[in-house]
């Protein structure tokens, strides 16, 4: 056997060290990835004890929707189930141990608000995007009212294979609420408010043609999504940069509701990167230091700060326009839910009140609900 030279031995030792270090580094990466992936598992298991209703088939999770979905009367239950859907569909782990979303079960759902139906549709649309449009709805055990609501919303247009027996269930549904088919738009697509306006006109009449406040307010919301909801620094891909809106009309209460939702970083997180952050800090100085970073405080400050987050002087009035219209009508409210904060302006019998609230569980993105009696 040929004796190795000193130089060759040094090369072999270095090669061995590099190889071993590479294996150690790879192991560390795998351990880190597994710990991150199992965070979703941990979250699901913890919140099962707090009201999250799920079932398992190995690592496939079925989200079982509760009887009621409503952000104002059943906030905790509604947000927990929506957040579970978001966490599961954004968990990109390839580990066989990591939970994946297998199904969302509607069988026990009896009532759903317009805003909750839009957010649920948005989350399932996001899921459908991630699995290349392969979702198939099973409606055999849905209640007729839920089926009609989601059908009018355009929910089934998400799917390549729509249910064929919808008309059979529709005949048993009560019809005290009309719903405008939802619109899914991309950032920069700010012409869609015209479509919404036309659909609302068909639903409640030509009076809406006079409501410039509605058009400008929604247009501003869409523009803000394009500028602030999906910053490049947070790693959003183009397929993620969507917004959604719909409207409903309660025929018995003569109540019009318009809902807008984006799945971005949320208003409170977007403020530090805004053009007027330093001036906003001045208005926040009246709050205790511990409160200045709270989502509800930042929301209220942003809404009441009558300025734009862009350099264009004609922007930034959208939400104020919506609030002004409510004041003119003397009855209605504007609610903004973003992350763990709520801002709500409400007018009852001509009396105005403003409410801020902190939640333990966040809305993933920003939800704007504008409601007025017509």
Protein backbone atom coordinates (compact mmCIF):
# COMPACT_ATOMS: atom_id res chain seq x y z
CA UNK A 1 0.00 0.00 0.00
CA UNK A 2 1.37 3.35 -1.04
CA UNK A 3 2.22 5.69 1.84
CA UNK A 4 0.34 9.00 1.74
CA UNK A 5 2.40 12.14 1.54
CA UNK A 6 2.12 14.78 4.23
CA UNK A 7 0.44 17.14 1.80
CA UNK A 8 -2.15 14.53 0.76
CA UNK A 9 -2.93 13.74 4.41
CA UNK A 10 -3.60 17.45 5.08
CA UNK A 11 -5.93 17.60 2.07
CA UNK A 12 -7.83 14.49 3.26
CA UNK A 13 -8.19 15.89 6.79
CA UNK A 14 -9.54 19.22 5.48
CA UNK A 15 -11.94 17.39 3.15
CA UNK A 16 -13.21 15.30 6.05
CA UNK A 17 -13.72 18.36 8.25
CA UNK A 18 -15.67 20.18 5.52
CA UNK A 19 -17.82 17.11 4.93
CA UNK A 20 -18.59 16.68 8.65
CA UNK A 21 -19.33 20.41 9.08
CA UNK A 22 -21.68 20.26 6.09
CA UNK A 23 -23.60 17.37 7.65
CA UNK A 24 -23.80 19.19 10.98
CA UNK A 25 -25.01 22.37 9.25
CA UNK A 26 -27.60 20.39 7.27
CA UNK A 27 -28.81 18.73 10.47
CA UNK A 28 -29.12 22.12 12.15
CA UNK A 29 -31.17 23.46 9.23
CA UNK A 30 -33.45 20.40 9.36
CA UNK A 31 -33.92 20.76 13.12
CA UNK A 32 -34.70 24.47 12.71
CA UNK A 33 -37.17 23.81 9.89
CA UNK A 34 -38.89 21.06 11.86
CA UNK A 35 -39.23 23.32 14.92
CA UNK A 36 -40.76 26.06 12.75
CA UNK A 37 -43.09 23.62 11.03
CA UNK A 38 -44.23 22.14 14.33
CA UNK A 39 -45.19 25.62 15.57
CA UNK A 40 -48.39 25.30 13.51
CA UNK A 41 -49.04 21.89 15.08
CA UNK A 42 -48.50 23.39 18.51
CA UNK A 43 -50.84 26.31 17.74
CA UNK A 44 -53.61 23.98 16.53
CA UNK A 45 -53.28 21.72 19.58
CA UNK A 46 -53.32 24.63 22.03
CA UNK A 47 -56.37 26.36 20.57
CA UNK A 48 -58.39 23.17 20.38
CA UNK A 49 -58.76 23.79 24.12
CA UNK A 50 -60.01 27.34 23.46
CA UNK A 51 -62.86 26.51 21.10
CA UNK A 52 -61.19 25.58 17.81
CA UNK A 53 -63.11 22.62 16.41
CA UNK A 54 -60.93 20.31 14.30
CA UNK A 55 -60.69 16.68 13.33
CA UNK A 56 -57.67 14.68 12.15
CA UNK A 57 -56.90 12.06 9.56
CA UNK A 58 -53.22 11.43 10.29
CA UNK A 59 -51.65 14.85 9.60
CA UNK A 60 -54.62 16.12 7.55
CA UNK A 61 -56.78 18.57 9.50
CA UNK A 62 -60.49 19.15 9.01
CA UNK A 63 -61.68 22.58 10.18
CA UNK A 64 -65.25 22.21 11.45
CA UNK A 65 -66.95 25.59 11.21
CA UNK A 66 -69.13 26.60 14.21
CA UNK A 67 -72.87 27.31 14.03
CA UNK A 68 -72.31 31.05 13.77
CA UNK A 69 -69.64 33.15 12.09
CA UNK A 70 -69.82 36.81 13.01
CA UNK A 71 -67.05 39.28 13.87
CA UNK A 72 -69.17 41.25 16.35
CA UNK A 73 -71.18 38.65 18.26
CA UNK A 74 -68.89 35.61 17.94
CA UNK A 75 -65.50 37.20 17.40
CA UNK A 76 -63.27 34.68 19.18
CA UNK A 77 -64.76 31.57 17.57
CA UNK A 78 -64.90 33.20 14.11
CA UNK A 79 -61.30 34.44 14.15
CA UNK A 80 -59.89 31.22 15.62
CA UNK A 81 -61.30 29.14 12.77
CA UNK A 82 -60.22 31.64 10.10
CA UNK A 83 -56.71 31.88 11.58
CA UNK A 84 -56.43 28.09 11.65
CA UNK A 85 -57.23 27.97 7.92
CA UNK A 86 -54.60 30.65 7.20
CA UNK A 87 -51.89 28.96 9.28
CA UNK A 88 -52.47 25.56 7.73
CA UNK A 89 -52.49 26.73 4.12
CA UNK A 90 -49.36 28.86 4.58
CA UNK A 91 -47.43 26.05 6.30
CA UNK A 92 -45.03 25.07 3.49
CA UNK A 93 -43.41 22.21 5.36
CA UNK A 94 -42.67 18.96 3.56
CA UNK A 95 -42.38 17.11 6.86
CA UNK A 96 -44.77 14.18 7.26
CA UNK A 97 -45.41 15.37 10.83
CA UNK A 98 -46.58 18.88 9.92
CA UNK A 99 -50.32 19.47 9.87
CA UNK A 100 -51.90 20.30 6.52
CA UNK A 101 -55.39 21.53 5.73
CA UNK A 102 -57.47 18.67 4.38
CA UNK A 103 -61.03 20.00 4.49
CA UNK A 104 -63.27 22.82 5.75
CA UNK A 105 -66.60 21.44 6.93
CA UNK A 106 -69.72 23.65 6.58
CA UNK A 107 -72.22 21.07 7.83
CA UNK A 108 -72.98 22.75 11.18
CA UNK A 109 -72.89 26.37 10.00
CA UNK A 110 -76.32 28.00 10.37
CA UNK A 111 -75.76 31.76 10.22
CA UNK A 112 -72.94 33.85 8.73
CA UNK A 113 -72.54 37.62 8.47
CA UNK A 114 -71.65 39.33 5.21
CA UNK A 115 -68.18 40.22 6.46
CA UNK A 116 -67.49 36.70 7.76
CA UNK A 117 -68.65 35.12 4.50
CA UNK A 118 -66.30 37.38 2.52
CA UNK A 119 -63.28 36.64 4.73
CA UNK A 120 -64.00 32.90 4.62
CA UNK A 121 -64.28 33.05 0.83
CA UNK A 122 -60.99 34.97 0.66
CA UNK A 123 -59.18 32.41 2.80
CA UNK A 124 -60.51 29.48 0.78
CA UNK A 125 -59.59 31.32 -2.42
CA UNK A 126 -56.04 31.64 -1.09
CA UNK A 127 -56.05 27.90 -0.32
CA UNK A 128 -57.36 27.12 -3.80
CA UNK A 129 -54.55 29.20 -5.31
CA UNK A 130 -51.92 27.22 -3.39
CA UNK A 131 -53.19 23.82 -4.58
CA UNK A 132 -53.74 24.87 -8.20
CA UNK A 133 -57.53 25.14 -8.14
CA UNK A 134 -58.27 21.56 -7.11
CA UNK A 135 -60.85 22.20 -4.37
CA UNK A 136 -64.24 20.51 -4.67
CA UNK A 137 -67.13 21.57 -2.41
CA UNK A 138 -69.41 18.98 -0.83
CA UNK A 139 -72.75 20.72 -0.12
CA UNK A 140 -74.94 17.72 0.76
CA UNK A 141 -75.19 18.65 4.46
CA UNK A 142 -75.25 22.45 4.15
CA UNK A 143 -78.29 24.34 5.43
CA UNK A 144 -80.32 25.97 2.61
CA UNK A 145 -79.78 29.53 3.91
CA UNK A 146 -76.00 29.10 4.01
CA UNK A 147 -75.98 27.58 0.56
CA UNK A 148 -77.99 30.45 -0.94
CA UNK A 149 -75.84 33.09 0.77
CA UNK A 150 -72.60 31.63 -0.54
CA UNK A 151 -74.07 30.95 -3.96
CA UNK A 152 -75.15 34.60 -4.32
CA UNK A 153 -71.74 35.68 -3.06
CA UNK A 154 -70.15 33.82 -5.99
CA UNK A 155 -68.39 31.37 -3.68
CA UNK A 156 -68.88 28.41 -6.01
CA UNK A 157 -67.27 30.30 -8.89
CA UNK A 158 -63.99 29.53 -7.14
CA UNK A 159 -64.21 25.93 -8.17
CA UNK A 160 -63.68 24.26 -11.51
CA UNK A 161 -66.22 21.60 -10.54
CA UNK A 162 -69.28 23.38 -9.17
CA UNK A 163 -72.03 21.46 -7.36
CA UNK A 164 -74.87 20.54 -9.72
CA UNK A 165 -77.65 20.33 -7.13
CA UNK A 166 -77.67 23.90 -5.76
CA UNK A 167 -81.16 24.70 -7.11
CA UNK A 168 -82.63 21.79 -5.14
CA UNK A 169 -81.56 23.37 -1.84
CA UNK A 170 -82.37 26.97 -2.80
CA UNK A 171 -86.12 26.36 -2.74
CA UNK A 172 -86.02 25.82 1.04
CA UNK A 173 -84.07 28.97 1.90
CA UNK A 174 -85.39 32.17 3.46
CA UNK A 175 -84.57 35.30 1.46
CA UNK A 176 -84.39 38.41 3.67
CA UNK A 177 -80.91 39.39 2.52
CA UNK A 178 -79.56 40.04 -0.95
CA UNK A 179 -75.86 39.70 -1.59
CA UNK A 180 -73.65 41.20 -4.29
CA UNK A 181 -71.28 38.74 -5.91
CA UNK A 182 -67.82 39.19 -4.42
CA UNK A 183 -64.98 40.65 -6.41
CA UNK A 184 -61.38 39.50 -6.11
CA UNK A 185 -58.95 42.11 -7.36
CA UNK A 186 -55.22 42.59 -7.58
CA UNK A 187 -53.21 45.55 -6.36
CA UNK A 188 -53.40 48.41 -8.83
CA UNK A 189 -56.84 47.37 -10.07
CA UNK A 190 -58.83 50.31 -8.72
CA UNK A 191 -61.56 50.38 -11.38
CA UNK A 192 -63.58 47.62 -9.73
CA UNK A 193 -65.58 50.03 -7.57
CA UNK A 194 -67.60 50.87 -10.67
CA UNK A 195 -68.72 47.23 -10.89
CA UNK A 196 -69.72 47.23 -7.22
CA UNK A 197 -71.67 50.45 -7.70
CA UNK A 198 -73.56 48.94 -10.63
CA UNK A 199 -74.40 45.81 -8.64
CA UNK A 200 -75.67 47.80 -5.66
CA UNK A 201 -77.77 49.91 -8.03
CA UNK A 202 -79.44 46.76 -9.33
CA UNK A 203 -80.09 45.66 -5.76
CA UNK A 204 -81.55 48.81 -4.17
CA UNK A 205 -82.23 51.31 -6.96
CA UNK A 206 -80.79 54.36 -8.71
CA UNK A 207 -80.41 56.47 -5.57
CA UNK A 208 -76.87 55.14 -5.23
CA UNK A 209 -75.86 57.21 -8.28
CA UNK A 210 -75.85 60.22 -5.92
CA UNK A 211 -73.56 58.51 -3.40
CA UNK A 212 -70.15 59.78 -4.43
CA UNK A 213 -68.97 59.17 -0.85
CA UNK A 214 -69.31 55.44 -1.38
CA UNK A 215 -67.35 55.43 -4.63
CA UNK A 216 -64.48 57.60 -3.37
CA UNK A 217 -64.23 55.75 -0.05
CA UNK A 218 -63.90 52.33 -1.65
CA UNK A 219 -61.56 53.60 -4.33
CA UNK A 220 -59.30 54.97 -1.60
CA UNK A 221 -59.34 51.63 0.26
CA UNK A 222 -58.24 49.82 -2.89
CA UNK A 223 -55.47 52.34 -3.60
CA UNK A 224 -54.19 51.96 -0.03
CA UNK A 225 -54.01 48.19 -0.43
CA UNK A 226 -51.85 48.65 -3.51
CA UNK A 227 -49.49 50.95 -1.63
CA UNK A 228 -49.32 49.53 1.87
CA UNK A 229 -50.88 46.12 2.51
CA UNK A 230 -48.28 43.97 0.75
CA UNK A 231 -44.78 45.49 1.12
CA UNK A 232 -41.91 43.77 -0.69
CA UNK A 233 -39.96 43.53 2.55
CA UNK A 234 -42.43 40.97 3.91
CA UNK A 235 -41.89 38.48 1.11
CA UNK A 236 -45.30 38.58 -0.57
CA UNK A 237 -45.48 37.07 -4.04
CA UNK A 238 -47.68 38.55 -6.77
CA UNK A 239 -50.27 35.82 -6.29
CA UNK A 240 -50.71 36.93 -2.64
CA UNK A 241 -51.53 40.57 -3.40
CA UNK A 242 -55.31 40.34 -3.54
CA UNK A 243 -58.23 42.27 -2.12
CA UNK A 244 -61.89 41.32 -1.89
CA UNK A 245 -65.19 43.14 -1.50
CA UNK A 246 -68.90 42.49 -1.48
CA UNK A 247 -72.15 44.14 -0.37
CA UNK A 248 -75.47 42.98 1.07
CA UNK A 249 -78.90 44.52 1.56
CA UNK A 250 -81.24 43.50 4.36
CA UNK A 251 -84.70 44.01 2.91
CA UNK A 252 -86.52 44.07 6.25
CA UNK A 253 -84.14 46.53 7.95
CA UNK A 254 -83.35 48.47 4.74
CA UNK A 255 -79.71 48.14 5.73
CA UNK A 256 -76.91 48.33 3.16
CA UNK A 257 -73.55 46.84 4.12
CA UNK A 258 -70.34 47.08 2.08
CA UNK A 259 -67.33 44.97 3.09
CA UNK A 260 -63.71 45.23 1.96
CA UNK A 261 -60.90 42.84 2.97
CA UNK A 262 -57.21 42.41 2.26
CA UNK A 263 -54.86 39.69 3.52
CA UNK A 264 -51.84 41.95 4.02
CA UNK A 265 -49.74 43.02 6.99
CA UNK A 266 -52.48 45.13 8.59
CA UNK A 267 -52.76 48.89 9.10
CA UNK A 268 -50.87 49.04 12.43
CA UNK A 269 -47.83 47.31 10.94
CA UNK A 270 -47.86 49.48 7.82
CA UNK A 271 -47.81 52.80 9.69
CA UNK A 272 -44.09 52.96 10.65
CA UNK A 273 -43.19 52.85 6.94
CA UNK A 274 -45.73 55.55 6.03
CA UNK A 275 -44.90 59.08 4.99
CA UNK A 276 -46.55 60.66 8.00
CA UNK A 277 -45.30 58.33 10.75
CA UNK A 278 -43.27 61.01 12.54
CA UNK A 279 -46.23 63.38 12.69
CA UNK A 280 -48.46 60.56 13.80
CA UNK A 281 -46.07 59.95 16.68
CA UNK A 282 -46.86 63.46 17.91
CA UNK A 283 -50.55 62.63 18.19
CA UNK A 284 -49.70 59.36 19.94
CA UNK A 285 -47.74 61.21 22.62
CA UNK A 286 -50.95 61.77 24.62
CA UNK A 287 -51.12 58.01 25.29
CA UNK A 288 -49.02 56.16 27.87
CA UNK A 289 -45.85 54.72 26.33
CA UNK A 290 -47.10 51.17 26.82
CA UNK A 291 -50.24 51.90 24.78
CA UNK A 292 -48.64 53.57 21.78
CA UNK A 293 -47.88 50.29 20.03
CA UNK A 294 -51.29 48.75 20.59
CA UNK A 295 -53.16 48.00 17.38
CA UNK A 296 -56.39 49.69 18.45
CA UNK A 297 -54.53 52.90 19.40
CA UNK A 298 -52.68 52.98 16.08
CA UNK A 299 -55.91 52.32 14.18
CA UNK A 300 -57.73 55.16 15.86
CA UNK A 301 -54.82 57.54 15.34
CA UNK A 302 -54.56 56.60 11.65
CA UNK A 303 -58.29 57.10 11.01
CA UNK A 304 -58.49 60.41 12.84
CA UNK A 305 -55.30 61.72 11.28
CA UNK A 306 -56.73 63.55 8.27
CA UNK A 307 -53.82 63.03 5.96
CA UNK A 308 -52.69 60.67 3.26
CA UNK A 309 -50.01 58.02 3.41
CA UNK A 310 -48.91 59.01 -0.07
CA UNK A 311 -47.64 62.29 -1.45
CA UNK A 312 -50.83 62.87 -3.47
CA UNK A 313 -52.95 65.54 -1.82
CA UNK A 314 -56.16 64.11 -3.27
CA UNK A 315 -55.78 60.83 -1.41
CA UNK A 316 -56.46 59.94 2.18
CA UNK A 317 -60.07 61.17 2.33
CA UNK A 318 -61.76 57.86 1.57
CA UNK A 319 -62.62 56.70 5.08
CA UNK A 320 -63.58 60.24 6.06
CA UNK A 321 -65.99 60.28 3.10
CA UNK A 322 -67.62 57.08 4.29
CA UNK A 323 -67.97 58.46 7.81
CA UNK A 324 -69.39 61.73 6.52
CA UNK A 325 -72.06 59.87 4.58
CA UNK A 326 -73.11 57.99 7.74
CA UNK A 327 -73.39 61.34 9.53
CA UNK A 328 -75.64 62.68 6.78
CA UNK A 329 -77.91 59.65 6.98
CA UNK A 330 -77.96 59.75 10.78
CA UNK A 331 -77.83 55.95 11.15
CA UNK A 332 -75.02 53.47 10.50
CA UNK A 333 -71.44 52.57 11.35
CA UNK A 334 -67.93 52.19 9.99
CA UNK A 335 -65.78 49.44 11.51
CA UNK A 336 -62.14 48.71 10.79
CA UNK A 337 -60.64 45.51 12.14
CA UNK A 338 -56.93 45.02 11.61
CA UNK A 339 -54.68 42.63 13.51
CA UNK A 340 -55.77 42.85 17.18
CA UNK A 341 -57.43 46.24 16.96
CA UNK A 342 -60.90 47.63 16.25
CA UNK A 343 -61.97 51.16 15.39
CA UNK A 344 -65.70 51.76 15.13
CA UNK A 345 -67.66 54.93 14.47
CA UNK A 346 -71.39 54.42 15.03
CA UNK A 347 -74.37 56.72 14.78
CA UNK A 348 -77.71 55.76 16.37
CA UNK A 349 -80.65 58.14 16.24
CA UNK A 350 -78.26 60.91 15.24
CA UNK A 351 -75.95 60.36 18.24
CA UNK A 352 -72.32 59.64 17.33
CA UNK A 353 -69.96 57.41 19.30
CA UNK A 354 -66.43 56.15 18.68
CA UNK A 355 -65.14 52.88 20.05
CA UNK A 356 -61.69 51.28 20.16
CA UNK A 357 -61.16 47.72 21.30
CA UNK A 358 -58.29 45.27 21.74
CA UNK A 359 -58.67 41.57 20.90
CA UNK A 360 -56.65 38.59 22.03
CA UNK A 361 -56.82 37.02 18.57
CA UNK A 362 -55.93 38.92 15.39
CA UNK A 363 -57.69 39.44 12.09
CA UNK A 364 -55.11 38.48 9.46
CA UNK A 365 -55.11 41.63 7.35
CA UNK A 366 -57.58 44.51 7.30
CA UNK A 367 -61.38 44.30 7.23
CA UNK A 368 -63.49 47.40 6.57
CA UNK A 369 -67.25 47.22 7.16
CA UNK A 370 -69.45 50.16 6.17
CA UNK A 371 -73.12 49.93 7.05
CA UNK A 372 -75.91 52.49 6.56
CA UNK A 373 -79.70 52.50 6.71
CA UNK A 374 -81.17 53.54 3.35
